[in-house]
Amino acid sequence: MDKVREITKSLVEVKEWPAFGAGDTITVTYKIKEGEKERLQSFKGVVIQRRGTGHTETFTIRKISGGIGVERIFPIASPFLESISIDKHGSVRRARIFYMRGLTGKAARIKEKKHFK
């Protein structure tokens, strides 16, 4: 099993991203290939969970688009990820906030963390 990890670690390049967790509102910019063309698209939403470690780590983002909840799972080591920017740090008590799926409107708000310098 360790040999598999060593080989994948040497093959997969993991970029350095800012520290974020569940409850944070982030914007992910990623590449989309359509035939011969390549374009960038952004996805802004709340991080529902982070799971896995190392090159197999993924994170799930949820947003409401046209009154419908949309979730997207991104691998952290994906070569298609261009940038991750943190818009707000949310204050939540859990590492996986699946209860957000059942909330709408004002109930779906997350308190913002206060940062004192």
PDB file of N, CA and C in Angstrom:
ATOM      1  N   MET A   1       0.815  -1.193   0.000  1.00  0.00           N
ATOM      2  CA  MET A   1       0.000   0.000   0.000  1.00  0.00           C
ATOM      3  C   MET A   1       0.863   1.263   0.000  1.00  0.00           C
ATOM      4  N   ASP A   2       1.987   1.231   0.710  1.00  0.00           N
ATOM      5  CA  ASP A   2       2.846   2.400   0.764  1.00  0.00           C
ATOM      6  C   ASP A   2       3.501   2.680  -0.582  1.00  0.00           C
ATOM      7  N   LYS A   3       3.759   1.642  -1.350  1.00  0.00           N
ATOM      8  CA  LYS A   3       4.355   1.838  -2.671  1.00  0.00           C
ATOM      9  C   LYS A   3       3.399   2.578  -3.591  1.00  0.00           C
ATOM     10  N   VAL A   4       2.124   2.272  -3.477  1.00  0.00           N
ATOM     11  CA  VAL A   4       1.113   2.956  -4.292  1.00  0.00           C
ATOM     12  C   VAL A   4       1.077   4.439  -3.941  1.00  0.00           C
ATOM     13  N   ARG A   5       1.118   4.761  -2.646  1.00  0.00           N
ATOM     14  CA  ARG A   5       1.118   6.161  -2.217  1.00  0.00           C
ATOM     15  C   ARG A   5       2.344   6.898  -2.706  1.00  0.00           C
ATOM     16  N   GLU A   6       3.501   6.248  -2.657  1.00  0.00           N
ATOM     17  CA  GLU A   6       4.738   6.893  -3.114  1.00  0.00           C
ATOM     18  C   GLU A   6       4.683   7.194  -4.607  1.00  0.00           C
ATOM     19  N   ILE A   7       4.190   6.251  -5.385  1.00  0.00           N
ATOM     20  CA  ILE A   7       4.105   6.446  -6.832  1.00  0.00           C
ATOM     21  C   ILE A   7       3.123   7.559  -7.173  1.00  0.00           C
ATOM     22  N   THR A   8       1.942   7.552  -6.550  1.00  0.00           N
ATOM     23  CA  THR A   8       0.960   8.595  -6.845  1.00  0.00           C
ATOM     24  C   THR A   8       1.433   9.958  -6.358  1.00  0.00           C
ATOM     25  N   LYS A   9       2.162   9.990  -5.240  1.00  0.00           N
ATOM     26  CA  LYS A   9       2.687  11.257  -4.743  1.00  0.00           C
ATOM     27  C   LYS A   9       3.692  11.855  -5.712  1.00  0.00           C
ATOM     28  N   SER A  10       4.492  10.993  -6.357  1.00  0.00           N
ATOM     29  CA  SER A  10       5.479  11.491  -7.311  1.00  0.00           C
ATOM     30  C   SER A  10       4.819  11.930  -8.621  1.00  0.00           C
ATOM     31  N   LEU A  11       3.694  11.327  -8.975  1.00  0.00           N
ATOM     32  CA  LEU A  11       3.022  11.656 -10.229  1.00  0.00           C
ATOM     33  C   LEU A  11       2.071  12.843 -10.119  1.00  0.00           C
ATOM     34  N   VAL A  12       1.393  12.974  -8.980  1.00  0.00           N
ATOM     35  CA  VAL A  12       0.386  14.010  -8.807  1.00  0.00           C
ATOM     36  C   VAL A  12       1.001  15.212  -8.113  1.00  0.00           C
ATOM     37  N   GLU A  13       0.825  16.385  -8.727  1.00  0.00           N
ATOM     38  CA  GLU A  13       1.344  17.621  -8.146  1.00  0.00           C
ATOM     39  C   GLU A  13       0.209  18.334  -7.420  1.00  0.00           C
ATOM     40  N   VAL A  14       0.362  18.528  -6.108  1.00  0.00           N
ATOM     41  CA  VAL A  14      -0.649  19.213  -5.312  1.00  0.00           C
ATOM     42  C   VAL A  14      -0.200  20.654  -5.104  1.00  0.00           C
ATOM     43  N   LYS A  15      -1.019  21.605  -5.564  1.00  0.00           N
ATOM     44  CA  LYS A  15      -0.702  23.021  -5.409  1.00  0.00           C
ATOM     45  C   LYS A  15      -1.017  23.469  -3.987  1.00  0.00           C
ATOM     46  N   GLU A  16      -0.472  24.599  -3.606  1.00  0.00           N
ATOM     47  CA  GLU A  16      -0.754  25.181  -2.296  1.00  0.00           C
ATOM     48  C   GLU A  16      -1.973  26.091  -2.425  1.00  0.00           C
ATOM     49  N   TRP A  17      -2.988  25.813  -1.636  1.00  0.00           N
ATOM     50  CA  TRP A  17      -4.210  26.605  -1.632  1.00  0.00           C
ATOM     51  C   TRP A  17      -4.369  27.264  -0.271  1.00  0.00           C
ATOM     52  N   PRO A  18      -5.155  28.339  -0.184  1.00  0.00           N
ATOM     53  CA  PRO A  18      -5.386  28.954   1.126  1.00  0.00           C
ATOM     54  C   PRO A  18      -6.151  28.005   2.045  1.00  0.00           C
ATOM     55  N   ALA A  19      -5.989  28.186   3.345  1.00  0.00           N
ATOM     56  CA  ALA A  19      -6.664  27.331   4.325  1.00  0.00           C
ATOM     57  C   ALA A  19      -8.140  27.706   4.401  1.00  0.00           C
ATOM     58  N   PHE A  20      -9.008  26.730   4.176  1.00  0.00           N
ATOM     59  CA  PHE A  20     -10.449  26.950   4.279  1.00  0.00           C
ATOM     60  C   PHE A  20     -11.085  25.690   4.827  1.00  0.00           C
ATOM     61  N   GLY A  21     -12.292  25.833   5.331  1.00  0.00           N
ATOM     62  CA  GLY A  21     -12.987  24.688   5.911  1.00  0.00           C
ATOM     63  C   GLY A  21     -14.480  24.823   5.749  1.00  0.00           C
ATOM     64  N   ALA A  22     -15.218  23.960   6.421  1.00  0.00           N
ATOM     65  CA  ALA A  22     -16.672  23.965   6.329  1.00  0.00           C
ATOM     66  C   ALA A  22     -17.227  25.292   6.830  1.00  0.00           C
ATOM     67  N   GLY A  23     -18.201  25.826   6.131  1.00  0.00           N
ATOM     68  CA  GLY A  23     -18.827  27.088   6.499  1.00  0.00           C
ATOM     69  C   GLY A  23     -18.239  28.295   5.795  1.00  0.00           C
ATOM     70  N   ASP A  24     -17.069  28.157   5.203  1.00  0.00           N
ATOM     71  CA  ASP A  24     -16.449  29.274   4.493  1.00  0.00           C
ATOM     72  C   ASP A  24     -17.097  29.450   3.125  1.00  0.00           C
ATOM     73  N   THR A  25     -17.239  30.699   2.712  1.00  0.00           N
ATOM     74  CA  THR A  25     -17.727  31.006   1.371  1.00  0.00           C
ATOM     75  C   THR A  25     -16.506  31.248   0.498  1.00  0.00           C
ATOM     76  N   ILE A  26     -16.367  30.446  -0.551  1.00  0.00           N
ATOM     77  CA  ILE A  26     -15.201  30.557  -1.422  1.00  0.00           C
ATOM     78  C   ILE A  26     -15.630  30.630  -2.882  1.00  0.00           C
ATOM     79  N   THR A  27     -14.718  31.125  -3.701  1.00  0.00           N
ATOM     80  CA  THR A  27     -14.910  31.144  -5.143  1.00  0.00           C
ATOM     81  C   THR A  27     -13.815  30.296  -5.769  1.00  0.00           C
ATOM     82  N   VAL A  28     -14.221  29.292  -6.530  1.00  0.00           N
ATOM     83  CA  VAL A  28     -13.286  28.403  -7.207  1.00  0.00           C
ATOM     84  C   VAL A  28     -13.336  28.717  -8.691  1.00  0.00           C
ATOM     85  N   THR A  29     -12.179  29.015  -9.273  1.00  0.00           N
ATOM     86  CA  THR A  29     -12.076  29.231 -10.712  1.00  0.00           C
ATOM     87  C   THR A  29     -11.404  28.009 -11.307  1.00  0.00           C
ATOM     88  N   TYR A  30     -12.041  27.419 -12.315  1.00  0.00           N
ATOM     89  CA  TYR A  30     -11.516  26.194 -12.909  1.00  0.00           C
ATOM     90  C   TYR A  30     -11.639  26.243 -14.422  1.00  0.00           C
ATOM     91  N   LYS A  31     -10.783  25.440 -15.080  1.00  0.00           N
ATOM     92  CA  LYS A  31     -10.736  25.387 -16.541  1.00  0.00           C
ATOM     93  C   LYS A  31     -11.786  24.412 -17.054  1.00  0.00           C
ATOM     94  N   ILE A  32     -12.426  24.792 -18.146  1.00  0.00           N
ATOM     95  CA  ILE A  32     -13.365  23.908 -18.832  1.00  0.00           C
ATOM     96  C   ILE A  32     -12.899  23.784 -20.271  1.00  0.00           C
ATOM     97  N   LYS A  33     -12.789  22.545 -20.742  1.00  0.00           N
ATOM     98  CA  LYS A  33     -12.413  22.307 -22.130  1.00  0.00           C
ATOM     99  C   LYS A  33     -13.663  21.976 -22.925  1.00  0.00           C
ATOM    100  N   GLU A  34     -13.870  22.722 -23.993  1.00  0.00           N
ATOM    101  CA  GLU A  34     -14.985  22.480 -24.899  1.00  0.00           C
ATOM    102  C   GLU A  34     -14.402  22.325 -26.296  1.00  0.00           C
ATOM    103  N   GLY A  35     -14.208  21.092 -26.699  1.00  0.00           N
ATOM    104  CA  GLY A  35     -13.566  20.833 -27.987  1.00  0.00           C
ATOM    105  C   GLY A  35     -12.117  21.261 -27.931  1.00  0.00           C
ATOM    106  N   GLU A  36     -11.750  22.187 -28.797  1.00  0.00           N
ATOM    107  CA  GLU A  36     -10.381  22.712 -28.838  1.00  0.00           C
ATOM    108  C   GLU A  36     -10.198  23.908 -27.911  1.00  0.00           C
ATOM    109  N   LYS A  37     -11.310  24.532 -27.500  1.00  0.00           N
ATOM    110  CA  LYS A  37     -11.229  25.751 -26.711  1.00  0.00           C
ATOM    111  C   LYS A  37     -11.148  25.448 -25.224  1.00  0.00           C
ATOM    112  N   GLU A  38     -10.536  26.381 -24.489  1.00  0.00           N
ATOM    113  CA  GLU A  38     -10.452  26.318 -23.044  1.00  0.00           C
ATOM    114  C   GLU A  38     -10.944  27.630 -22.488  1.00  0.00           C
ATOM    115  N   ARG A  39     -11.751  27.562 -21.427  1.00  0.00           N
ATOM    116  CA  ARG A  39     -12.215  28.793 -20.793  1.00  0.00           C
ATOM    117  C   ARG A  39     -12.224  28.605 -19.290  1.00  0.00           C
ATOM    118  N   LEU A  40     -12.295  29.727 -18.572  1.00  0.00           N
ATOM    119  CA  LEU A  40     -12.338  29.695 -17.110  1.00  0.00           C
ATOM    120  C   LEU A  40     -13.762  29.961 -16.639  1.00  0.00           C
ATOM    121  N   GLN A  41     -14.177  29.243 -15.617  1.00  0.00           N
ATOM    122  CA  GLN A  41     -15.500  29.436 -15.041  1.00  0.00           C
ATOM    123  C   GLN A  41     -15.367  29.459 -13.526  1.00  0.00           C
ATOM    124  N   SER A  42     -16.172  30.297 -12.865  1.00  0.00           N
ATOM    125  CA  SER A  42     -16.113  30.370 -11.402  1.00  0.00           C
ATOM    126  C   SER A  42     -17.358  29.742 -10.795  1.00  0.00           C
ATOM    127  N   PHE A  43     -17.161  29.225  -9.605  1.00  0.00           N
ATOM    128  CA  PHE A  43     -18.236  28.607  -8.832  1.00  0.00           C
ATOM    129  C   PHE A  43     -18.108  29.151  -7.419  1.00  0.00           C
ATOM    130  N   LYS A  44     -19.099  29.940  -6.977  1.00  0.00           N
ATOM    131  CA  LYS A  44     -19.039  30.568  -5.660  1.00  0.00           C
ATOM    132  C   LYS A  44     -20.111  29.951  -4.780  1.00  0.00           C
ATOM    133  N   GLY A  45     -19.706  29.494  -3.598  1.00  0.00           N
ATOM    134  CA  GLY A  45     -20.660  28.892  -2.682  1.00  0.00           C
ATOM    135  C   GLY A  45     -20.038  28.604  -1.333  1.00  0.00           C
ATOM    136  N   VAL A  46     -20.806  27.901  -0.504  1.00  0.00           N
ATOM    137  CA  VAL A  46     -20.382  27.564   0.855  1.00  0.00           C
ATOM    138  C   VAL A  46     -19.775  26.172   0.857  1.00  0.00           C
ATOM    139  N   VAL A  47     -18.645  26.029   1.544  1.00  0.00           N
ATOM    140  CA  VAL A  47     -18.005  24.723   1.662  1.00  0.00           C
ATOM    141  C   VAL A  47     -18.827  23.878   2.627  1.00  0.00           C
ATOM    142  N   ILE A  48     -19.308  22.738   2.147  1.00  0.00           N
ATOM    143  CA  ILE A  48     -20.113  21.827   2.966  1.00  0.00           C
ATOM    144  C   ILE A  48     -19.205  20.847   3.709  1.00  0.00           C
ATOM    145  N   GLN A  49     -18.154  20.380   3.039  1.00  0.00           N
ATOM    146  CA  GLN A  49     -17.259  19.413   3.667  1.00  0.00           C
ATOM    147  C   GLN A  49     -15.917  19.390   2.962  1.00  0.00           C
ATOM    148  N   ARG A  50     -14.906  18.916   3.696  1.00  0.00           N
ATOM    149  CA  ARG A  50     -13.614  18.522   3.129  1.00  0.00           C
ATOM    150  C   ARG A  50     -13.399  17.085   3.549  1.00  0.00           C
ATOM    151  N   ARG A  51     -12.967  16.247   2.643  1.00  0.00           N
ATOM    152  CA  ARG A  51     -12.762  14.846   2.999  1.00  0.00           C
ATOM    153  C   ARG A  51     -11.518  14.326   2.316  1.00  0.00           C
ATOM    154  N   GLY A  52     -10.874  13.345   2.955  1.00  0.00           N
ATOM    155  CA  GLY A  52      -9.668  12.748   2.405  1.00  0.00           C
ATOM    156  C   GLY A  52      -8.425  13.477   2.868  1.00  0.00           C
ATOM    157  N   THR A  53      -7.273  12.940   2.454  1.00  0.00           N
ATOM    158  CA  THR A  53      -5.999  13.563   2.795  1.00  0.00           C
ATOM    159  C   THR A  53      -5.086  13.522   1.585  1.00  0.00           C
ATOM    160  N   GLY A  54      -4.132  14.431   1.560  1.00  0.00           N
ATOM    161  CA  GLY A  54      -3.122  14.434   0.505  1.00  0.00           C
ATOM    162  C   GLY A  54      -3.697  14.676  -0.876  1.00  0.00           C
ATOM    163  N   HIS A  55      -3.239  13.880  -1.827  1.00  0.00           N
ATOM    164  CA  HIS A  55      -3.640  14.084  -3.223  1.00  0.00           C
ATOM    165  C   HIS A  55      -5.045  13.571  -3.515  1.00  0.00           C
ATOM    166  N   THR A  56      -5.648  12.807  -2.599  1.00  0.00           N
ATOM    167  CA  THR A  56      -7.010  12.309  -2.812  1.00  0.00           C
ATOM    168  C   THR A  56      -8.058  13.162  -2.108  1.00  0.00           C
ATOM    169  N   GLU A  57      -7.649  14.280  -1.527  1.00  0.00           N
ATOM    170  CA  GLU A  57      -8.585  15.130  -0.792  1.00  0.00           C
ATOM    171  C   GLU A  57      -9.562  15.813  -1.744  1.00  0.00           C
ATOM    172  N   THR A  58     -10.814  15.927  -1.313  1.00  0.00           N
ATOM    173  CA  THR A  58     -11.845  16.621  -2.086  1.00  0.00           C
ATOM    174  C   THR A  58     -12.593  17.580  -1.161  1.00  0.00           C
ATOM    175  N   PHE A  59     -13.273  18.548  -1.775  1.00  0.00           N
ATOM    176  CA  PHE A  59     -14.141  19.435  -1.013  1.00  0.00           C
ATOM    177  C   PHE A  59     -15.414  19.667  -1.820  1.00  0.00           C
ATOM    178  N   THR A  60     -16.512  19.847  -1.098  1.00  0.00           N
ATOM    179  CA  THR A  60     -17.820  20.021  -1.711  1.00  0.00           C
ATOM    180  C   THR A  60     -18.300  21.438  -1.459  1.00  0.00           C
ATOM    181  N   ILE A  61     -18.799  22.081  -2.513  1.00  0.00           N
ATOM    182  CA  ILE A  61     -19.316  23.440  -2.424  1.00  0.00           C
ATOM    183  C   ILE A  61     -20.788  23.418  -2.802  1.00  0.00           C
ATOM    184  N   ARG A  62     -21.599  24.182  -2.079  1.00  0.00           N
ATOM    185  CA  ARG A  62     -23.034  24.271  -2.351  1.00  0.00           C
ATOM    186  C   ARG A  62     -23.417  25.721  -2.578  1.00  0.00           C
ATOM    187  N   LYS A  63     -24.254  25.941  -3.592  1.00  0.00           N
ATOM    188  CA  LYS A  63     -24.812  27.265  -3.835  1.00  0.00           C
ATOM    189  C   LYS A  63     -26.265  27.100  -4.269  1.00  0.00           C
ATOM    190  N   ILE A  64     -27.006  28.185  -4.187  1.00  0.00           N
ATOM    191  CA  ILE A  64     -28.386  28.193  -4.651  1.00  0.00           C
ATOM    192  C   ILE A  64     -28.404  28.954  -5.971  1.00  0.00           C
ATOM    193  N   SER A  65     -28.859  28.294  -7.025  1.00  0.00           N
ATOM    194  CA  SER A  65     -28.901  28.903  -8.352  1.00  0.00           C
ATOM    195  C   SER A  65     -30.314  28.766  -8.907  1.00  0.00           C
ATOM    196  N   GLY A  66     -30.990  29.882  -9.034  1.00  0.00           N
ATOM    197  CA  GLY A  66     -32.353  29.859  -9.551  1.00  0.00           C
ATOM    198  C   GLY A  66     -33.318  29.142  -8.633  1.00  0.00           C
ATOM    199  N   GLY A  67     -33.076  29.236  -7.315  1.00  0.00           N
ATOM    200  CA  GLY A  67     -33.944  28.603  -6.344  1.00  0.00           C
ATOM    201  C   GLY A  67     -33.689  27.118  -6.141  1.00  0.00           C
ATOM    202  N   ILE A  68     -32.703  26.586  -6.835  1.00  0.00           N
ATOM    203  CA  ILE A  68     -32.370  25.162  -6.734  1.00  0.00           C
ATOM    204  C   ILE A  68     -30.960  25.036  -6.169  1.00  0.00           C
ATOM    205  N   GLY A  69     -30.780  24.124  -5.222  1.00  0.00           N
ATOM    206  CA  GLY A  69     -29.465  23.888  -4.639  1.00  0.00           C
ATOM    207  C   GLY A  69     -28.576  23.117  -5.592  1.00  0.00           C
ATOM    208  N   VAL A  70     -27.358  23.616  -5.785  1.00  0.00           N
ATOM    209  CA  VAL A  70     -26.386  22.982  -6.675  1.00  0.00           C
ATOM    210  C   VAL A  70     -25.134  22.692  -5.872  1.00  0.00           C
ATOM    211  N   GLU A  71     -24.664  21.452  -5.921  1.00  0.00           N
ATOM    212  CA  GLU A  71     -23.437  21.071  -5.232  1.00  0.00           C
ATOM    213  C   GLU A  71     -22.424  20.572  -6.239  1.00  0.00           C
ATOM    214  N   ARG A  72     -21.171  20.857  -5.953  1.00  0.00           N
ATOM    215  CA  ARG A  72     -20.104  20.410  -6.838  1.00  0.00           C
ATOM    216  C   ARG A  72     -18.945  19.932  -5.986  1.00  0.00           C
ATOM    217  N   ILE A  73     -18.367  18.811  -6.369  1.00  0.00           N
ATOM    218  CA  ILE A  73     -17.231  18.234  -5.653  1.00  0.00           C
ATOM    219  C   ILE A  73     -15.971  18.492  -6.469  1.00  0.00           C
ATOM    220  N   PHE A  74     -14.958  19.071  -5.826  1.00  0.00           N
ATOM    221  CA  PHE A  74     -13.689  19.372  -6.480  1.00  0.00           C
ATOM    222  C   PHE A  74     -12.569  18.572  -5.836  1.00  0.00           C
ATOM    223  N   PRO A  75     -11.750  17.865  -6.616  1.00  0.00           N
ATOM    224  CA  PRO A  75     -10.532  17.268  -6.057  1.00  0.00           C
ATOM    225  C   PRO A  75      -9.493  18.366  -5.845  1.00  0.00           C
ATOM    226  N   ILE A  76      -8.821  18.346  -4.716  1.00  0.00           N
ATOM    227  CA  ILE A  76      -7.861  19.403  -4.379  1.00  0.00           C
ATOM    228  C   ILE A  76      -6.639  19.359  -5.296  1.00  0.00           C
ATOM    229  N   ALA A  77      -6.318  18.185  -5.848  1.00  0.00           N
ATOM    230  CA  ALA A  77      -5.132  18.031  -6.691  1.00  0.00           C
ATOM    231  C   ALA A  77      -5.476  18.087  -8.176  1.00  0.00           C
ATOM    232  N   SER A  78      -6.663  18.560  -8.522  1.00  0.00           N
ATOM    233  CA  SER A  78      -7.073  18.605  -9.922  1.00  0.00           C
ATOM    234  C   SER A  78      -6.218  19.605 -10.708  1.00  0.00           C
ATOM    235  N   PRO A  79      -5.741  19.223 -11.883  1.00  0.00           N
ATOM    236  CA  PRO A  79      -4.985  20.172 -12.697  1.00  0.00           C
ATOM    237  C   PRO A  79      -5.868  21.259 -13.309  1.00  0.00           C
ATOM    238  N   PHE A  80      -7.190  21.081 -13.240  1.00  0.00           N
ATOM    239  CA  PHE A  80      -8.121  22.058 -13.816  1.00  0.00           C
ATOM    240  C   PHE A  80      -8.417  23.205 -12.866  1.00  0.00           C
ATOM    241  N   LEU A  81      -8.060  23.098 -11.596  1.00  0.00           N
ATOM    242  CA  LEU A  81      -8.276  24.194 -10.652  1.00  0.00           C
ATOM    243  C   LEU A  81      -7.287  25.316 -10.940  1.00  0.00           C
ATOM    244  N   GLU A  82      -7.807  26.500 -11.150  1.00  0.00           N
ATOM    245  CA  GLU A  82      -6.977  27.671 -11.421  1.00  0.00           C
ATOM    246  C   GLU A  82      -6.697  28.435 -10.135  1.00  0.00           C
ATOM    247  N   SER A  83      -7.767  28.766  -9.399  1.00  0.00           N
ATOM    248  CA  SER A  83      -7.583  29.537  -8.170  1.00  0.00           C
ATOM    249  C   SER A  83      -8.726  29.266  -7.196  1.00  0.00           C
ATOM    250  N   ILE A  84      -8.424  29.479  -5.926  1.00  0.00           N
ATOM    251  CA  ILE A  84      -9.416  29.398  -4.865  1.00  0.00           C
ATOM    252  C   ILE A  84      -9.264  30.665  -4.037  1.00  0.00           C
ATOM    253  N   SER A  85     -10.338  31.455  -3.947  1.00  0.00           N
ATOM    254  CA  SER A  85     -10.280  32.664  -3.125  1.00  0.00           C
ATOM    255  C   SER A  85     -11.353  32.584  -2.052  1.00  0.00           C
ATOM    256  N   ILE A  86     -10.982  32.985  -0.847  1.00  0.00           N
ATOM    257  CA  ILE A  86     -11.894  32.937   0.285  1.00  0.00           C
ATOM    258  C   ILE A  86     -12.595  34.288   0.390  1.00  0.00           C
ATOM    259  N   ASP A  87     -13.934  34.249   0.334  1.00  0.00           N
ATOM    260  CA  ASP A  87     -14.719  35.478   0.439  1.00  0.00           C
ATOM    261  C   ASP A  87     -15.093  35.778   1.894  1.00  0.00           C
ATOM    262  N   LYS A  88     -15.541  34.741   2.632  1.00  0.00           N
ATOM    263  CA  LYS A  88     -15.915  34.902   4.040  1.00  0.00           C
ATOM    264  C   LYS A  88     -15.539  33.645   4.808  1.00  0.00           C
ATOM    265  N   HIS A  89     -15.092  33.829   6.042  1.00  0.00           N
ATOM    266  CA  HIS A  89     -14.861  32.701   6.936  1.00  0.00           C
ATOM    267  C   HIS A  89     -16.118  32.532   7.780  1.00  0.00           C
ATOM    268  N   GLY A  90     -16.742  31.363   7.693  1.00  0.00           N
ATOM    269  CA  GLY A  90     -17.964  31.113   8.437  1.00  0.00           C
ATOM    270  C   GLY A  90     -17.688  30.451   9.768  1.00  0.00           C
ATOM    271  N   SER A  91     -18.560  30.711  10.728  1.00  0.00           N
ATOM    272  CA  SER A  91     -18.444  30.130  12.058  1.00  0.00           C
ATOM    273  C   SER A  91     -19.483  29.022  12.198  1.00  0.00           C
ATOM    274  N   VAL A  92     -19.036  27.767  12.083  1.00  0.00           N
ATOM    275  CA  VAL A  92     -19.917  26.612  12.237  1.00  0.00           C
ATOM    276  C   VAL A  92     -19.308  25.663  13.253  1.00  0.00           C
ATOM    277  N   ARG A  93     -20.137  24.775  13.815  1.00  0.00           N
ATOM    278  CA  ARG A  93     -19.672  23.882  14.868  1.00  0.00           C
ATOM    279  C   ARG A  93     -19.316  22.499  14.352  1.00  0.00           C
ATOM    280  N   ARG A  94     -19.586  22.230  13.100  1.00  0.00           N
ATOM    281  CA  ARG A  94     -19.358  20.888  12.566  1.00  0.00           C
ATOM    282  C   ARG A  94     -18.393  20.913  11.398  1.00  0.00           C
ATOM    283  N   ALA A  95     -17.813  19.772  11.120  1.00  0.00           N
ATOM    284  CA  ALA A  95     -16.885  19.657   9.997  1.00  0.00           C
ATOM    285  C   ALA A  95     -17.638  19.392   8.695  1.00  0.00           C
ATOM    286  N   ARG A  96     -18.845  18.815   8.813  1.00  0.00           N
ATOM    287  CA  ARG A  96     -19.664  18.537   7.626  1.00  0.00           C
ATOM    288  C   ARG A  96     -21.059  19.078   7.883  1.00  0.00           C
ATOM    289  N   ILE A  97     -21.431  20.086   7.142  1.00  0.00           N
ATOM    290  CA  ILE A  97     -22.687  20.792   7.416  1.00  0.00           C
ATOM    291  C   ILE A  97     -23.760  20.411   6.391  1.00  0.00           C
ATOM    292  N   PHE A  98     -24.100  19.129   6.389  1.00  0.00           N
ATOM    293  CA  PHE A  98     -25.113  18.634   5.464  1.00  0.00           C
ATOM    294  C   PHE A  98     -26.501  19.158   5.801  1.00  0.00           C
ATOM    295  N   TYR A  99     -26.694  19.665   7.013  1.00  0.00           N
ATOM    296  CA  TYR A  99     -27.994  20.202   7.380  1.00  0.00           C
ATOM    297  C   TYR A  99     -28.356  21.425   6.546  1.00  0.00           C
ATOM    298  N   MET A 100     -27.383  22.021   5.877  1.00  0.00           N
ATOM    299  CA  MET A 100     -27.649  23.177   5.017  1.00  0.00           C
ATOM    300  C   MET A 100     -28.530  22.798   3.830  1.00  0.00           C
ATOM    301  N   ARG A 101     -28.548  21.528   3.471  1.00  0.00           N
ATOM    302  CA  ARG A 101     -29.360  21.076   2.347  1.00  0.00           C
ATOM    303  C   ARG A 101     -30.844  21.285   2.604  1.00  0.00           C
ATOM    304  N   GLY A 102     -31.247  21.237   3.859  1.00  0.00           N
ATOM    305  CA  GLY A 102     -32.662  21.381   4.193  1.00  0.00           C
ATOM    306  C   GLY A 102     -33.072  22.798   4.540  1.00  0.00           C
ATOM    307  N   LEU A 103     -32.132  23.740   4.525  1.00  0.00           N
ATOM    308  CA  LEU A 103     -32.419  25.111   4.916  1.00  0.00           C
ATOM    309  C   LEU A 103     -32.489  26.024   3.701  1.00  0.00           C
ATOM    310  N   THR A 104     -33.391  27.000   3.764  1.00  0.00           N
ATOM    311  CA  THR A 104     -33.495  27.995   2.696  1.00  0.00           C
ATOM    312  C   THR A 104     -33.668  29.372   3.331  1.00  0.00           C
ATOM    313  N   GLY A 105     -33.440  30.393   2.560  1.00  0.00           N
ATOM    314  CA  GLY A 105     -33.664  31.768   3.000  1.00  0.00           C
ATOM    315  C   GLY A 105     -32.781  32.188   4.150  1.00  0.00           C
ATOM    316  N   LYS A 106     -33.381  32.894   5.119  1.00  0.00           N
ATOM    317  CA  LYS A 106     -32.618  33.420   6.246  1.00  0.00           C
ATOM    318  C   LYS A 106     -32.060  32.319   7.131  1.00  0.00           C
ATOM    319  N   ALA A 107     -32.733  31.179   7.184  1.00  0.00           N
ATOM    320  CA  ALA A 107     -32.268  30.068   8.014  1.00  0.00           C
ATOM    321  C   ALA A 107     -30.955  29.494   7.505  1.00  0.00           C
ATOM    322  N   ALA A 108     -30.645  29.713   6.238  1.00  0.00           N
ATOM    323  CA  ALA A 108     -29.441  29.155   5.629  1.00  0.00           C
ATOM    324  C   ALA A 108     -28.225  30.061   5.786  1.00  0.00           C
ATOM    325  N   ARG A 109     -28.383  31.164   6.529  1.00  0.00           N
ATOM    326  CA  ARG A 109     -27.240  32.059   6.726  1.00  0.00           C
ATOM    327  C   ARG A 109     -26.249  31.464   7.709  1.00  0.00           C
ATOM    328  N   ILE A 110     -24.982  31.783   7.520  1.00  0.00           N
ATOM    329  CA  ILE A 110     -23.916  31.337   8.417  1.00  0.00           C
ATOM    330  C   ILE A 110     -23.253  32.583   8.992  1.00  0.00           C
ATOM    331  N   LYS A 111     -23.036  32.571  10.323  1.00  0.00           N
ATOM    332  CA  LYS A 111     -22.362  33.703  10.955  1.00  0.00           C
ATOM    333  C   LYS A 111     -20.931  33.798  10.449  1.00  0.00           C
ATOM    334  N   GLU A 112     -20.473  35.040  10.337  1.00  0.00           N
ATOM    335  CA  GLU A 112     -19.097  35.265   9.890  1.00  0.00           C
ATOM    336  C   GLU A 112     -18.169  35.310  11.090  1.00  0.00           C
ATOM    337  N   LYS A 113     -16.981  34.680  10.937  1.00  0.00           N
ATOM    338  CA  LYS A 113     -15.985  34.716  12.015  1.00  0.00           C
ATOM    339  C   LYS A 113     -15.425  36.111  12.145  1.00  0.00           C
ATOM    340  N   LYS A 114     -15.192  36.505  13.361  1.00  0.00           N
ATOM    341  CA  LYS A 114     -14.578  37.807  13.622  1.00  0.00           C
ATOM    342  C   LYS A 114     -13.068  37.601  13.740  1.00  0.00           C
ATOM    343  N   HIS A 115     -12.300  38.374  12.984  1.00  0.00           N
ATOM    344  CA  HIS A 115     -10.841  38.267  13.015  1.00  0.00           C
ATOM    345  C   HIS A 115     -10.284  39.537  13.643  1.00  0.00           C
ATOM    346  N   PHE A 116      -9.626  39.364  14.774  1.00  0.00           N
ATOM    347  CA  PHE A 116      -8.999  40.492  15.448  1.00  0.00           C
ATOM    348  C   PHE A 116      -7.496  40.416  15.237  1.00  0.00           C
ATOM    349  N   LYS A 117      -6.891  41.552  14.920  1.00  0.00           N
ATOM    350  CA  LYS A 117      -5.451  41.575  14.681  1.00  0.00           C
ATOM    351  C   LYS A 117      -4.743  42.288  15.788  1.00  0.00           C
TER     352      LYS A 117
END
